Amino acid sequence: MKVLIVEDDLATRKGLEESVKDLGGEARSVGTVKEASRAIEEFDPRLLIVDIHLPDGDGIEVLRAARETDTDREGIVITGQGSIDNAIEALRAGAVDYLLKPLRPAQLEVVFNRLADRRRLESEVETLRAELQETGRLGDLVGRSPVMTEIFEIIRRVAKSNAPVLITGASGSGKEVAARTIHRLSRRAAKPFVAFNCGAISPTLIESELFGHERGSFTGADKRRVGYFEEAAGGTLFLDEITEMGSELQVKLLRVLEDRTLR
């Protein structure tokens, strides 16, 4: 991966160059906004590591300008004096991380690995989309009829969102297969997919299964239990036969979906 380092402190710059090379990257470094603009055009980096405070301008603006010409470019913003406002501005400009100097090689390695995982997932998504276009197949779903083509398109669209999805259909029509396909196409693909059948367990136990409980929270709770929501953290929780859930519990479920927090 080509990495452009924009940092006016020479020692920091050289240290970052060595770290990038140790991680298998190709590094180039500059010390000013003007030099960065020229290097972006000539070097075409995939990742920029930019200091906020540069002698002739703002490093965040360097990242913003680089992403305006190529949105696939990633950025890490570094600074010697962190602030919440700067962190927010950096993330809005497209930074994947905001780090305080001095940087440790291990910090850079974590970001590199995360970016590699993300690019791998994006590649898998593109492969699946190409598969859909060429073969009439999307994951484990197969079909060429107008209805299936429309379903494939809906799945591709909702997979880009983090919003809750309601899948309806007769028993055996492939609702869980559709849910798994949505998960595979989403950015959550590397996280868990957890399926829970609300109709396969006693209504009195569903709440504990979904939300978990702490030890001693009720009679018989002799140890802490991790619920399915926590088990699926960062991934996808598929609730089958959700209509079997009682109305009181559905209200609690709605609160979790709206607040996106689990208490």
C-alpha atoms as a PDB file:
ATOM      1  CA  MET A   1       0.000   0.000   0.000  1.00  0.00           C
ATOM      2  CA  LYS A   2       1.281   3.463  -0.932  1.00  0.00           C
ATOM      3  CA  VAL A   3       1.433   5.756   2.111  1.00  0.00           C
ATOM      4  CA  LEU A   4       2.093   9.505   2.038  1.00  0.00           C
ATOM      5  CA  ILE A   5       3.329  11.012   5.315  1.00  0.00           C
ATOM      6  CA  VAL A   6       2.767  14.755   5.730  1.00  0.00           C
ATOM      7  CA  GLU A   7       4.705  15.855   8.819  1.00  0.00           C
ATOM      8  CA  ASP A   8       7.012  18.832   9.345  1.00  0.00           C
ATOM      9  CA  ASP A   9       9.073  17.245  12.144  1.00  0.00           C
ATOM     10  CA  LEU A  10      11.876  15.354  10.404  1.00  0.00           C
ATOM     11  CA  ALA A  11      12.481  12.805  13.167  1.00  0.00           C
ATOM     12  CA  THR A  12       8.786  11.917  13.379  1.00  0.00           C
ATOM     13  CA  ARG A  13       8.607  11.711   9.597  1.00  0.00           C
ATOM     14  CA  LYS A  14      11.529   9.300   9.332  1.00  0.00           C
ATOM     15  CA  GLY A  15      10.170   7.173  12.171  1.00  0.00           C
ATOM     16  CA  LEU A  16       6.808   6.859  10.426  1.00  0.00           C
ATOM     17  CA  GLU A  17       8.530   5.978   7.145  1.00  0.00           C
ATOM     18  CA  GLU A  18      10.371   3.114   8.833  1.00  0.00           C
ATOM     19  CA  SER A  19       7.179   1.865  10.511  1.00  0.00           C
ATOM     20  CA  VAL A  20       5.288   1.886   7.209  1.00  0.00           C
ATOM     21  CA  LYS A  21       8.082  -0.020   5.458  1.00  0.00           C
ATOM     22  CA  ASP A  22       8.228  -2.564   8.303  1.00  0.00           C
ATOM     23  CA  LEU A  23       4.510  -3.188   7.727  1.00  0.00           C
ATOM     24  CA  GLY A  24       5.098  -3.841   4.041  1.00  0.00           C
ATOM     25  CA  GLY A  25       3.983  -0.432   2.779  1.00  0.00           C
ATOM     26  CA  GLU A  26       5.616   1.926   0.273  1.00  0.00           C
ATOM     27  CA  ALA A  27       6.248   5.276   1.959  1.00  0.00           C
ATOM     28  CA  ARG A  28       6.923   8.812   0.787  1.00  0.00           C
ATOM     29  CA  SER A  29       7.125  11.788   3.136  1.00  0.00           C
ATOM     30  CA  VAL A  30       6.855  15.573   2.815  1.00  0.00           C
ATOM     31  CA  GLY A  31       6.785  18.461   5.258  1.00  0.00           C
ATOM     32  CA  THR A  32       4.356  21.056   3.865  1.00  0.00           C
ATOM     33  CA  VAL A  33       0.892  21.409   2.356  1.00  0.00           C
ATOM     34  CA  LYS A  34       2.408  22.554  -0.944  1.00  0.00           C
ATOM     35  CA  GLU A  35       4.684  19.504  -1.146  1.00  0.00           C
ATOM     36  CA  ALA A  36       1.774  17.256  -0.188  1.00  0.00           C
ATOM     37  CA  SER A  37      -0.387  18.536  -3.050  1.00  0.00           C
ATOM     38  CA  ARG A  38       2.348  17.714  -5.542  1.00  0.00           C
ATOM     39  CA  ALA A  39       3.076  14.311  -3.980  1.00  0.00           C
ATOM     40  CA  ILE A  40      -0.601  13.297  -4.031  1.00  0.00           C
ATOM     41  CA  GLU A  41      -0.723  13.911  -7.762  1.00  0.00           C
ATOM     42  CA  GLU A  42       2.586  12.170  -8.518  1.00  0.00           C
ATOM     43  CA  PHE A  43       2.579   9.345  -5.950  1.00  0.00           C
ATOM     44  CA  ASP A  44      -1.185   8.591  -5.830  1.00  0.00           C
ATOM     45  CA  PRO A  45      -1.188   7.302  -2.219  1.00  0.00           C
ATOM     46  CA  ARG A  46      -3.880   4.981  -0.859  1.00  0.00           C
ATOM     47  CA  LEU A  47      -3.293   6.164   2.720  1.00  0.00           C
ATOM     48  CA  LEU A  48      -2.278   9.578   4.055  1.00  0.00           C
ATOM     49  CA  ILE A  49      -0.815  10.158   7.514  1.00  0.00           C
ATOM     50  CA  VAL A  50      -1.102  13.901   8.118  1.00  0.00           C
ATOM     51  CA  ASP A  51      -0.160  16.172  10.987  1.00  0.00           C
ATOM     52  CA  ILE A  52      -2.810  18.797  11.722  1.00  0.00           C
ATOM     53  CA  HIS A  53      -0.398  21.685  12.185  1.00  0.00           C
ATOM     54  CA  LEU A  54       1.880  22.270   9.193  1.00  0.00           C
ATOM     55  CA  PRO A  55       4.080  25.311   8.458  1.00  0.00           C
ATOM     56  CA  ASP A  56       1.928  26.492   5.551  1.00  0.00           C
ATOM     57  CA  GLY A  57      -1.539  25.231   6.414  1.00  0.00           C
ATOM     58  CA  ASP A  58      -3.902  22.651   7.877  1.00  0.00           C
ATOM     59  CA  GLY A  59      -3.235  18.926   7.500  1.00  0.00           C
ATOM     60  CA  ILE A  60      -6.941  18.091   7.675  1.00  0.00           C
ATOM     61  CA  GLU A  61      -7.479  20.178   4.544  1.00  0.00           C
ATOM     62  CA  VAL A  62      -4.768  18.122   2.818  1.00  0.00           C
ATOM     63  CA  LEU A  63      -6.747  14.961   3.576  1.00  0.00           C
ATOM     64  CA  ARG A  64     -10.028  16.539   2.519  1.00  0.00           C
ATOM     65  CA  ALA A  65      -8.544  17.671  -0.819  1.00  0.00           C
ATOM     66  CA  ALA A  66      -6.980  14.242  -1.429  1.00  0.00           C
ATOM     67  CA  ARG A  67     -10.320  12.514  -0.898  1.00  0.00           C
ATOM     68  CA  GLU A  68     -12.148  14.949  -3.157  1.00  0.00           C
ATOM     69  CA  THR A  69     -10.170  13.595  -6.112  1.00  0.00           C
ATOM     70  CA  ASP A  70     -10.329   9.952  -4.950  1.00  0.00           C
ATOM     71  CA  THR A  71     -12.784   8.863  -2.240  1.00  0.00           C
ATOM     72  CA  ASP A  72     -11.029   5.486  -1.893  1.00  0.00           C
ATOM     73  CA  ARG A  73      -8.083   7.206  -0.211  1.00  0.00           C
ATOM     74  CA  GLU A  74      -7.886   6.722   3.556  1.00  0.00           C
ATOM     75  CA  GLY A  75      -6.395   9.050   6.137  1.00  0.00           C
ATOM     76  CA  ILE A  76      -4.887   9.040   9.616  1.00  0.00           C
ATOM     77  CA  VAL A  77      -4.647  12.402  11.363  1.00  0.00           C
ATOM     78  CA  ILE A  78      -1.901  12.858  13.983  1.00  0.00           C
ATOM     79  CA  THR A  79      -1.290  15.698  16.402  1.00  0.00           C
ATOM     80  CA  GLY A  80       0.751  16.603  19.432  1.00  0.00           C
ATOM     81  CA  GLN A  81      -2.205  18.325  21.110  1.00  0.00           C
ATOM     82  CA  GLY A  82      -5.517  16.546  20.746  1.00  0.00           C
ATOM     83  CA  SER A  83      -8.945  18.124  21.079  1.00  0.00           C
ATOM     84  CA  ILE A  84     -12.481  16.862  20.575  1.00  0.00           C
ATOM     85  CA  ASP A  85     -13.181  19.544  17.956  1.00  0.00           C
ATOM     86  CA  ASN A  86     -10.139  18.544  15.909  1.00  0.00           C
ATOM     87  CA  ALA A  87     -11.029  14.867  16.196  1.00  0.00           C
ATOM     88  CA  ILE A  88     -14.564  15.514  14.931  1.00  0.00           C
ATOM     89  CA  GLU A  89     -13.268  17.640  12.050  1.00  0.00           C
ATOM     90  CA  ALA A  90     -10.751  14.932  11.109  1.00  0.00           C
ATOM     91  CA  LEU A  91     -13.412  12.220  11.026  1.00  0.00           C
ATOM     92  CA  ARG A  92     -15.688  14.429   8.943  1.00  0.00           C
ATOM     93  CA  ALA A  93     -12.835  14.897   6.473  1.00  0.00           C
ATOM     94  CA  GLY A  94     -12.669  11.126   6.061  1.00  0.00           C
ATOM     95  CA  ALA A  95      -9.982  10.092   8.568  1.00  0.00           C
ATOM     96  CA  VAL A  96     -10.182   6.504   9.776  1.00  0.00           C
ATOM     97  CA  ASP A  97      -8.280   7.365  12.954  1.00  0.00           C
ATOM     98  CA  TYR A  98      -7.083  10.301  15.046  1.00  0.00           C
ATOM     99  CA  LEU A  99      -3.878   9.616  16.984  1.00  0.00           C
ATOM    100  CA  LEU A 100      -1.713  11.532  19.424  1.00  0.00           C
ATOM    101  CA  LYS A 101       2.038  11.847  18.972  1.00  0.00           C
ATOM    102  CA  PRO A 102       4.390  10.213  19.633  1.00  0.00           C
ATOM    103  CA  LEU A 103       2.977   7.277  17.663  1.00  0.00           C
ATOM    104  CA  ARG A 104       3.966   3.732  18.572  1.00  0.00           C
ATOM    105  CA  PRO A 105       4.516   1.218  15.742  1.00  0.00           C
ATOM    106  CA  ALA A 106       1.838  -0.997  17.309  1.00  0.00           C
ATOM    107  CA  GLN A 107      -0.762   1.755  16.840  1.00  0.00           C
ATOM    108  CA  LEU A 108       0.035   1.981  13.148  1.00  0.00           C
ATOM    109  CA  GLU A 109      -0.097  -1.803  12.820  1.00  0.00           C
ATOM    110  CA  VAL A 110      -3.621  -1.892  14.281  1.00  0.00           C
ATOM    111  CA  VAL A 111      -4.824   0.701  11.758  1.00  0.00           C
ATOM    112  CA  PHE A 112      -3.085  -1.106   8.864  1.00  0.00           C
ATOM    113  CA  ASN A 113      -4.734  -4.400   9.816  1.00  0.00           C
ATOM    114  CA  ARG A 114      -8.137  -2.758  10.124  1.00  0.00           C
ATOM    115  CA  LEU A 115      -7.801  -1.162   6.691  1.00  0.00           C
ATOM    116  CA  ALA A 116      -6.672  -4.477   5.194  1.00  0.00           C
ATOM    117  CA  ASP A 117      -9.734  -6.226   6.663  1.00  0.00           C
ATOM    118  CA  ARG A 118     -12.000  -3.522   5.315  1.00  0.00           C
ATOM    119  CA  ARG A 119     -10.531  -3.719   1.817  1.00  0.00           C
ATOM    120  CA  ARG A 120     -10.866  -7.505   1.893  1.00  0.00           C
ATOM    121  CA  LEU A 121     -14.548  -7.193   2.812  1.00  0.00           C
ATOM    122  CA  GLU A 122     -15.115  -4.608   0.092  1.00  0.00           C
ATOM    123  CA  SER A 123     -13.480  -6.970  -2.403  1.00  0.00           C
ATOM    124  CA  GLU A 124     -15.761  -9.811  -1.288  1.00  0.00           C
ATOM    125  CA  VAL A 125     -18.799  -7.560  -1.655  1.00  0.00           C
ATOM    126  CA  GLU A 126     -17.777  -6.632  -5.201  1.00  0.00           C
ATOM    127  CA  THR A 127     -17.283 -10.315  -6.009  1.00  0.00           C
ATOM    128  CA  LEU A 128     -20.777 -11.106  -4.747  1.00  0.00           C
ATOM    129  CA  ARG A 129     -22.249  -8.243  -6.745  1.00  0.00           C
ATOM    130  CA  ALA A 130     -20.500  -9.443  -9.896  1.00  0.00           C
ATOM    131  CA  GLU A 131     -21.808 -12.937  -9.180  1.00  0.00           C
ATOM    132  CA  LEU A 132     -25.327 -11.546  -9.006  1.00  0.00           C
ATOM    133  CA  GLN A 133     -24.959  -9.726 -12.318  1.00  0.00           C
ATOM    134  CA  GLU A 134     -23.499 -12.689 -14.202  1.00  0.00           C
ATOM    135  CA  THR A 135     -25.200 -15.779 -12.778  1.00  0.00           C
ATOM    136  CA  GLY A 136     -28.476 -14.732 -11.223  1.00  0.00           C
ATOM    137  CA  ARG A 137     -27.085 -15.832  -7.871  1.00  0.00           C
ATOM    138  CA  LEU A 138     -26.516 -13.825  -4.696  1.00  0.00           C
ATOM    139  CA  GLY A 139     -24.874 -15.803  -1.911  1.00  0.00           C
ATOM    140  CA  ASP A 140     -27.131 -18.827  -1.336  1.00  0.00           C
ATOM    141  CA  LEU A 141     -30.076 -17.187  -3.121  1.00  0.00           C
ATOM    142  CA  VAL A 142     -30.650 -18.225  -6.724  1.00  0.00           C
ATOM    143  CA  GLY A 143     -33.129 -16.851  -9.242  1.00  0.00           C
ATOM    144  CA  ARG A 144     -33.576 -14.976 -12.501  1.00  0.00           C
ATOM    145  CA  SER A 145     -37.252 -14.065 -12.358  1.00  0.00           C
ATOM    146  CA  PRO A 146     -38.248 -10.377 -12.158  1.00  0.00           C
ATOM    147  CA  VAL A 147     -39.335 -10.892  -8.538  1.00  0.00           C
ATOM    148  CA  MET A 148     -35.981 -12.413  -7.508  1.00  0.00           C
ATOM    149  CA  THR A 149     -34.090  -9.707  -9.394  1.00  0.00           C
ATOM    150  CA  GLU A 150     -36.021  -7.115  -7.391  1.00  0.00           C
ATOM    151  CA  ILE A 151     -35.295  -8.963  -4.129  1.00  0.00           C
ATOM    152  CA  PHE A 152     -31.581  -9.074  -4.960  1.00  0.00           C
ATOM    153  CA  GLU A 153     -31.601  -5.322  -5.558  1.00  0.00           C
ATOM    154  CA  ILE A 154     -33.398  -4.674  -2.255  1.00  0.00           C
ATOM    155  CA  ILE A 155     -30.875  -6.862  -0.402  1.00  0.00           C
ATOM    156  CA  ARG A 156     -27.958  -4.990  -1.958  1.00  0.00           C
ATOM    157  CA  ARG A 157     -29.528  -1.669  -0.984  1.00  0.00           C
ATOM    158  CA  VAL A 158     -30.372  -2.491   2.641  1.00  0.00           C
ATOM    159  CA  ALA A 159     -26.968  -4.151   3.185  1.00  0.00           C
ATOM    160  CA  LYS A 160     -25.389  -0.678   2.982  1.00  0.00           C
ATOM    161  CA  SER A 161     -27.498   0.521   5.921  1.00  0.00           C
ATOM    162  CA  ASN A 162     -27.291  -0.103   9.665  1.00  0.00           C
ATOM    163  CA  ALA A 163     -31.063   0.333  10.056  1.00  0.00           C
ATOM    164  CA  PRO A 164     -33.212  -2.567  11.356  1.00  0.00           C
ATOM    165  CA  VAL A 165     -34.667  -4.683   8.531  1.00  0.00           C
ATOM    166  CA  LEU A 166     -38.033  -6.491   8.575  1.00  0.00           C
ATOM    167  CA  ILE A 167     -38.154  -9.601   6.366  1.00  0.00           C
ATOM    168  CA  THR A 168     -41.584 -11.147   5.761  1.00  0.00           C
ATOM    169  CA  GLY A 169     -42.633 -14.307   3.964  1.00  0.00           C
ATOM    170  CA  ALA A 170     -44.154 -17.735   4.334  1.00  0.00           C
ATOM    171  CA  SER A 171     -42.423 -20.433   6.368  1.00  0.00           C
ATOM    172  CA  GLY A 172     -39.577 -21.941   4.354  1.00  0.00           C
ATOM    173  CA  SER A 173     -39.365 -19.060   1.885  1.00  0.00           C
ATOM    174  CA  GLY A 174     -35.742 -18.262   2.802  1.00  0.00           C
ATOM    175  CA  LYS A 175     -35.989 -15.382   5.277  1.00  0.00           C
ATOM    176  CA  GLU A 176     -32.897 -16.478   7.213  1.00  0.00           C
ATOM    177  CA  VAL A 177     -30.976 -17.055   3.969  1.00  0.00           C
ATOM    178  CA  ALA A 178     -31.859 -13.495   2.945  1.00  0.00           C
ATOM    179  CA  ALA A 179     -30.761 -12.201   6.359  1.00  0.00           C
ATOM    180  CA  ARG A 180     -27.419 -14.004   6.093  1.00  0.00           C
ATOM    181  CA  THR A 181     -26.902 -12.598   2.601  1.00  0.00           C
ATOM    182  CA  ILE A 182     -27.564  -9.060   3.858  1.00  0.00           C
ATOM    183  CA  HIS A 183     -25.001  -9.682   6.601  1.00  0.00           C
ATOM    184  CA  ARG A 184     -22.389 -10.987   4.118  1.00  0.00           C
ATOM    185  CA  LEU A 185     -22.816  -7.923   1.903  1.00  0.00           C
ATOM    186  CA  SER A 186     -22.596  -5.439   4.774  1.00  0.00           C
ATOM    187  CA  ARG A 187     -19.605  -3.905   6.537  1.00  0.00           C
ATOM    188  CA  ARG A 188     -20.587  -6.076   9.497  1.00  0.00           C
ATOM    189  CA  ALA A 189     -19.590  -9.237   7.611  1.00  0.00           C
ATOM    190  CA  ALA A 190     -16.511  -9.864   9.772  1.00  0.00           C
ATOM    191  CA  LYS A 191     -18.639  -9.682  12.930  1.00  0.00           C
ATOM    192  CA  PRO A 192     -20.992 -12.390  14.274  1.00  0.00           C
ATOM    193  CA  PHE A 193     -24.299 -13.397  12.680  1.00  0.00           C
ATOM    194  CA  VAL A 194     -26.545 -14.693  15.463  1.00  0.00           C
ATOM    195  CA  ALA A 195     -29.940 -16.295  14.758  1.00  0.00           C
ATOM    196  CA  PHE A 196     -32.580 -16.619  17.493  1.00  0.00           C
ATOM    197  CA  ASN A 197     -36.007 -18.246  17.076  1.00  0.00           C
ATOM    198  CA  CYS A 198     -38.445 -16.394  19.320  1.00  0.00           C
ATOM    199  CA  GLY A 199     -41.012 -19.177  18.926  1.00  0.00           C
ATOM    200  CA  ALA A 200     -38.706 -21.976  20.044  1.00  0.00           C
ATOM    201  CA  ILE A 201     -38.400 -20.916  23.671  1.00  0.00           C
ATOM    202  CA  SER A 202     -40.768 -20.168  26.537  1.00  0.00           C
ATOM    203  CA  PRO A 203     -41.999 -16.530  26.492  1.00  0.00           C
ATOM    204  CA  THR A 204     -40.836 -16.152  30.104  1.00  0.00           C
ATOM    205  CA  LEU A 205     -37.239 -16.896  29.093  1.00  0.00           C
ATOM    206  CA  ILE A 206     -36.997 -14.837  25.899  1.00  0.00           C
ATOM    207  CA  GLU A 207     -36.070 -11.592  27.678  1.00  0.00           C
ATOM    208  CA  SER A 208     -33.158 -13.211  29.507  1.00  0.00           C
ATOM    209  CA  GLU A 209     -31.999 -14.924  26.302  1.00  0.00           C
ATOM    210  CA  LEU A 210     -32.050 -11.664  24.328  1.00  0.00           C
ATOM    211  CA  PHE A 211     -30.776  -9.160  26.873  1.00  0.00           C
ATOM    212  CA  GLY A 212     -28.840 -11.409  29.251  1.00  0.00           C
ATOM    213  CA  HIS A 213     -28.714 -10.893  33.000  1.00  0.00           C
ATOM    214  CA  GLU A 214     -26.311 -10.248  35.839  1.00  0.00           C
ATOM    215  CA  ARG A 215     -25.672 -12.729  38.609  1.00  0.00           C
ATOM    216  CA  GLY A 216     -28.254 -12.373  41.378  1.00  0.00           C
ATOM    217  CA  SER A 217     -30.616 -10.210  39.309  1.00  0.00           C
ATOM    218  CA  PHE A 218     -33.446 -12.682  40.023  1.00  0.00           C
ATOM    219  CA  THR A 219     -34.031 -15.971  41.819  1.00  0.00           C
ATOM    220  CA  GLY A 220     -31.983 -18.692  40.169  1.00  0.00           C
ATOM    221  CA  ALA A 221     -29.588 -16.302  38.412  1.00  0.00           C
ATOM    222  CA  ASP A 222     -26.467 -17.881  39.901  1.00  0.00           C
ATOM    223  CA  LYS A 223     -24.144 -16.554  37.198  1.00  0.00           C
ATOM    224  CA  ARG A 224     -23.921 -13.791  34.617  1.00  0.00           C
ATOM    225  CA  ARG A 225     -25.413 -14.624  31.221  1.00  0.00           C
ATOM    226  CA  VAL A 226     -24.468 -12.865  27.974  1.00  0.00           C
ATOM    227  CA  GLY A 227     -27.595 -12.225  25.883  1.00  0.00           C
ATOM    228  CA  TYR A 228     -27.909 -12.591  22.134  1.00  0.00           C
ATOM    229  CA  PHE A 229     -27.764  -8.800  21.646  1.00  0.00           C
ATOM    230  CA  GLU A 230     -24.370  -8.672  23.343  1.00  0.00           C
ATOM    231  CA  GLU A 231     -23.214 -11.837  21.555  1.00  0.00           C
ATOM    232  CA  ALA A 232     -24.002 -10.227  18.194  1.00  0.00           C
ATOM    233  CA  ALA A 233     -22.337  -6.907  19.070  1.00  0.00           C
ATOM    234  CA  GLY A 234     -21.110  -5.168  15.929  1.00  0.00           C
ATOM    235  CA  GLY A 235     -22.698  -7.832  13.737  1.00  0.00           C
ATOM    236  CA  THR A 236     -26.238  -8.966  12.921  1.00  0.00           C
ATOM    237  CA  LEU A 237     -28.953 -10.406  15.176  1.00  0.00           C
ATOM    238  CA  PHE A 238     -31.653 -12.278  13.237  1.00  0.00           C
ATOM    239  CA  LEU A 239     -34.901 -12.643  15.211  1.00  0.00           C
ATOM    240  CA  ASP A 240     -37.003 -15.395  13.641  1.00  0.00           C
ATOM    241  CA  GLU A 241     -40.745 -15.687  14.407  1.00  0.00           C
ATOM    242  CA  ILE A 242     -40.669 -12.270  16.066  1.00  0.00           C
ATOM    243  CA  THR A 243     -44.491 -12.188  16.152  1.00  0.00           C
ATOM    244  CA  GLU A 244     -44.327 -14.885  18.862  1.00  0.00           C
ATOM    245  CA  MET A 245     -42.777 -12.306  21.189  1.00  0.00           C
ATOM    246  CA  GLY A 246     -45.131 -10.760  23.756  1.00  0.00           C
ATOM    247  CA  SER A 247     -46.193  -7.133  23.358  1.00  0.00           C
ATOM    248  CA  GLU A 248     -44.418  -6.020  26.557  1.00  0.00           C
ATOM    249  CA  LEU A 249     -41.135  -7.476  25.350  1.00  0.00           C
ATOM    250  CA  GLN A 250     -41.655  -5.975  21.888  1.00  0.00           C
ATOM    251  CA  VAL A 251     -41.793  -2.546  23.547  1.00  0.00           C
ATOM    252  CA  LYS A 252     -38.418  -3.217  25.204  1.00  0.00           C
ATOM    253  CA  LEU A 253     -37.030  -4.433  21.890  1.00  0.00           C
ATOM    254  CA  LEU A 254     -38.248  -1.272  20.160  1.00  0.00           C
ATOM    255  CA  ARG A 255     -36.487   0.847  22.786  1.00  0.00           C
ATOM    256  CA  VAL A 256     -33.181  -0.938  22.113  1.00  0.00           C
ATOM    257  CA  LEU A 257     -33.578  -0.487  18.355  1.00  0.00           C
ATOM    258  CA  GLU A 258     -34.394   3.210  18.706  1.00  0.00           C
ATOM    259  CA  ASP A 259     -31.740   4.071  21.314  1.00  0.00           C
ATOM    260  CA  ARG A 260     -29.113   1.616  19.991  1.00  0.00           C
ATOM    261  CA  THR A 261     -28.062   0.991  23.581  1.00  0.00           C
ATOM    262  CA  LEU A 262     -28.430  -1.998  25.887  1.00  0.00           C
ATOM    263  CA  ARG A 263     -28.808  -1.366  29.603  1.00  0.00           C
END
